[in-house]
Protein backbone atom coordinates (compact mmCIF):
# COMPACT_ATOMS: atom_id res chain seq x y z
CA MET A 1 103.77 -16.01 70.67
CA GLY A 2 106.92 -17.06 68.80
CA VAL A 3 108.74 -15.90 65.70
CA ILE A 4 106.87 -15.69 62.41
CA PHE A 5 108.38 -17.75 59.56
CA ALA A 6 107.31 -17.65 55.93
CA GLY A 7 108.22 -19.19 52.60
CA VAL A 8 110.11 -22.35 51.68
CA GLY A 9 113.18 -21.78 53.88
CA GLY A 10 111.07 -20.56 56.77
CA ASN A 11 108.70 -23.52 56.55
CA ARG A 12 111.59 -25.95 56.44
CA GLU A 13 113.13 -24.28 59.49
CA LEU A 14 109.75 -24.31 61.24
CA ALA A 15 109.36 -28.07 60.67
CA GLU A 16 112.93 -28.74 61.82
CA ARG A 17 112.49 -26.58 64.93
CA PHE A 18 109.23 -28.41 65.67
CA ILE A 19 111.06 -31.77 65.84
CA ALA A 20 114.09 -30.34 67.70
CA SER A 21 112.05 -28.55 70.38
CA LEU A 22 109.77 -31.58 70.80
CA GLU A 23 112.82 -33.84 71.26
CA ALA A 24 114.28 -31.35 73.79
CA ARG A 25 110.94 -31.10 75.62
CA ASP A 26 111.27 -27.32 75.25
CA TRP A 27 107.53 -26.84 75.59
CA ASP A 28 107.55 -23.02 75.39
CA ALA A 29 109.58 -22.98 72.16
CA TRP A 30 107.52 -25.87 70.74
CA ALA A 31 104.16 -24.25 71.54
CA GLY A 32 105.42 -20.98 70.03
CA LEU A 33 105.61 -22.70 66.62
CA LEU A 34 101.93 -23.67 66.71
CA HIS A 35 98.94 -21.63 65.61
CA PRO A 36 96.44 -21.31 68.50
CA ASP A 37 93.88 -23.18 66.35
CA VAL A 38 96.26 -25.99 65.30
CA VAL A 39 94.68 -29.32 64.35
CA TYR A 40 96.60 -32.58 64.92
CA GLU A 41 95.43 -35.85 63.36
CA ILE A 42 96.56 -39.48 63.54
CA PRO A 43 94.80 -41.39 60.73
CA GLN A 44 95.70 -44.89 62.01
CA SER A 45 93.90 -44.35 65.33
CA ARG A 46 91.36 -41.88 63.93
CA GLU A 47 92.22 -39.29 66.61
CA ARG A 48 92.02 -35.51 66.23
CA ILE A 49 93.16 -32.85 68.66
CA ARG A 50 92.05 -29.24 68.20
CA GLY A 51 93.93 -26.33 69.72
CA ARG A 52 97.46 -25.60 70.87
CA ASP A 53 96.80 -26.16 74.57
CA ARG A 54 95.28 -29.62 74.09
CA TYR A 55 98.03 -30.66 71.66
CA LEU A 56 100.67 -29.44 74.11
CA ARG A 57 99.09 -31.45 76.93
CA PHE A 58 98.89 -34.54 74.70
CA ASN A 59 102.65 -34.41 74.14
CA GLN A 60 103.57 -33.51 77.71
CA ASP A 61 101.52 -36.46 78.99
CA PHE A 62 102.76 -39.01 76.42
CA PRO A 63 104.25 -41.91 78.40
CA GLY A 64 107.76 -43.28 78.19
CA ASP A 65 111.20 -41.94 77.39
CA TRP A 66 110.67 -41.33 73.68
CA HIS A 67 113.09 -39.70 71.26
CA LEU A 68 112.89 -38.34 67.71
CA ARG A 69 115.64 -38.29 65.10
CA PRO A 70 114.82 -36.51 61.84
CA LYS A 71 115.96 -38.19 58.61
CA VAL A 72 114.48 -36.06 55.80
CA THR A 73 112.72 -32.67 55.74
CA ILE A 74 111.02 -31.37 52.60
CA ALA A 75 109.15 -28.05 52.45
CA ASP A 76 107.47 -25.67 50.05
CA GLU A 77 105.49 -22.43 50.46
CA ARG A 78 102.46 -24.13 52.07
CA ARG A 79 103.51 -27.53 53.41
CA ALA A 80 106.34 -29.64 54.80
CA VAL A 81 106.99 -33.26 55.69
CA VAL A 82 109.50 -34.77 58.08
CA TRP A 83 110.43 -38.44 58.00
CA PHE A 84 111.83 -39.30 61.40
CA GLU A 85 112.94 -42.17 63.59
CA TRP A 86 110.94 -42.76 66.74
CA LEU A 87 112.67 -44.49 69.66
CA LEU A 88 110.75 -45.79 72.67
CA ASP A 89 111.69 -48.46 75.21
CA GLY A 90 114.42 -49.98 73.02
CA ARG A 91 112.23 -50.09 69.91
CA THR A 92 112.96 -48.00 66.83
CA ASP A 93 110.35 -47.25 64.17
CA ASP A 94 109.94 -44.78 61.33
CA ALA A 95 107.18 -42.20 61.21
CA MET A 96 106.18 -39.16 59.14
CA VAL A 97 104.53 -35.90 60.01
CA PHE A 98 102.95 -33.65 57.39
CA PHE A 99 102.67 -29.92 58.18
CA GLU A 100 100.48 -27.13 56.87
CA PHE A 101 101.24 -23.49 57.66
CA ALA A 102 99.24 -20.29 58.15
CA ASP A 103 100.45 -16.89 59.30
CA GLY A 104 104.00 -18.24 59.69
CA LEU A 105 102.89 -20.92 62.17
CA ILE A 106 101.95 -24.59 62.05
CA ILE A 107 98.17 -24.82 61.59
CA ARG A 108 97.75 -28.53 60.83
CA LEU A 109 99.74 -31.73 61.39
CA THR A 110 99.03 -35.25 60.25
CA ASP A 111 101.16 -37.98 61.83
CA PHE A 112 101.59 -41.40 60.25
CA TRP A 113 102.92 -44.18 62.49
CA PRO A 114 103.28 -47.16 60.14
CA GLU A 115 103.78 -50.56 61.71
CA PRO A 116 106.42 -52.82 60.17
CA TYR A 117 105.05 -55.96 58.50
CA GLU A 118 106.25 -58.97 56.58
CA PRO A 119 105.79 -58.72 52.81
CA PRO A 120 103.46 -61.10 51.02
CA PRO A 121 105.06 -64.14 49.35
CA GLY A 122 105.85 -64.24 45.65
CA ARG A 123 108.18 -61.30 45.19
CA GLU A 124 111.34 -62.66 46.81
CA HIS A 125 113.04 -62.79 43.40
CA LEU A 126 112.49 -59.04 42.95
CA VAL A 127 113.32 -57.55 46.32
CA GLU A 128 116.19 -57.23 48.73
CA ARG A 129 115.44 -57.22 52.49
CA TRP A 130 117.39 -55.30 55.11
CA LEU A 131 117.43 -55.59 58.87
CA ARG A 132 116.08 -52.89 61.14
CA PRO A 133 118.87 -51.23 63.20
CA HIS A 134 118.10 -53.06 66.46
CA ALA A 135 117.64 -56.36 64.59
CA ALA A 136 120.98 -55.86 62.84
CA ALA A 137 122.71 -55.37 66.19
CA GLY A 138 121.11 -58.57 67.48
CA ALA A 139 122.14 -60.47 64.36
CA SER A 140 125.73 -59.24 64.76
CA GLN A 141 125.75 -60.44 68.37
CA ALA A 142 124.42 -63.84 67.29
CA ARG A 143 127.17 -64.14 64.61
CA LEU A 144 129.82 -63.30 67.21
CA GLN A 145 128.44 -65.92 69.59
CA ALA A 146 128.48 -68.53 66.82
CA LEU A 147 132.15 -67.82 66.12
CA ARG A 148 133.18 -68.48 69.74
C-alpha cells in the first residue's frame, strides 16, 4: 500500500504528505503513508493507538471541523518533526508531531498538544510577549472601536 520513501528527502516528503493528506481528509493516501503496525502516542493524555486501521478510525471519528497548517518540517534518515498550527472552532493552537520511519513508511508518531499558559512572574524585564493570532485580531478590533 502506497509509495515507498527513503532517506532525508523522502522522509521530509513523507511527513509533509502526512499533514497534507490528513488536512485534505484523503484517507486512502494518508493510510498509504503508514506502516500497518504504526504506533501513535499522545503523552499529555497518556493514550496509545496500535495499528493503521485503529489510527485511521481515530482520525476519521475526531469531532469538529479541524484544520492543520504546517509551519516547519525537519527530517533526517530516521526521524522527522512537523510543527503545525491546529485550528478548531475558532481557536488556533500550535502542536508538534514527531515521526519515526521503517521500510519507507511511518512506523511511530508522537503528538504533543501543548496548552498555552501565562508565564510566572519575575521575568517581565527579560521577555517580550506577543499576541496569539486570534487575540491580535480582537485587539485590533478593540483599538478601532476606541478610535470611533
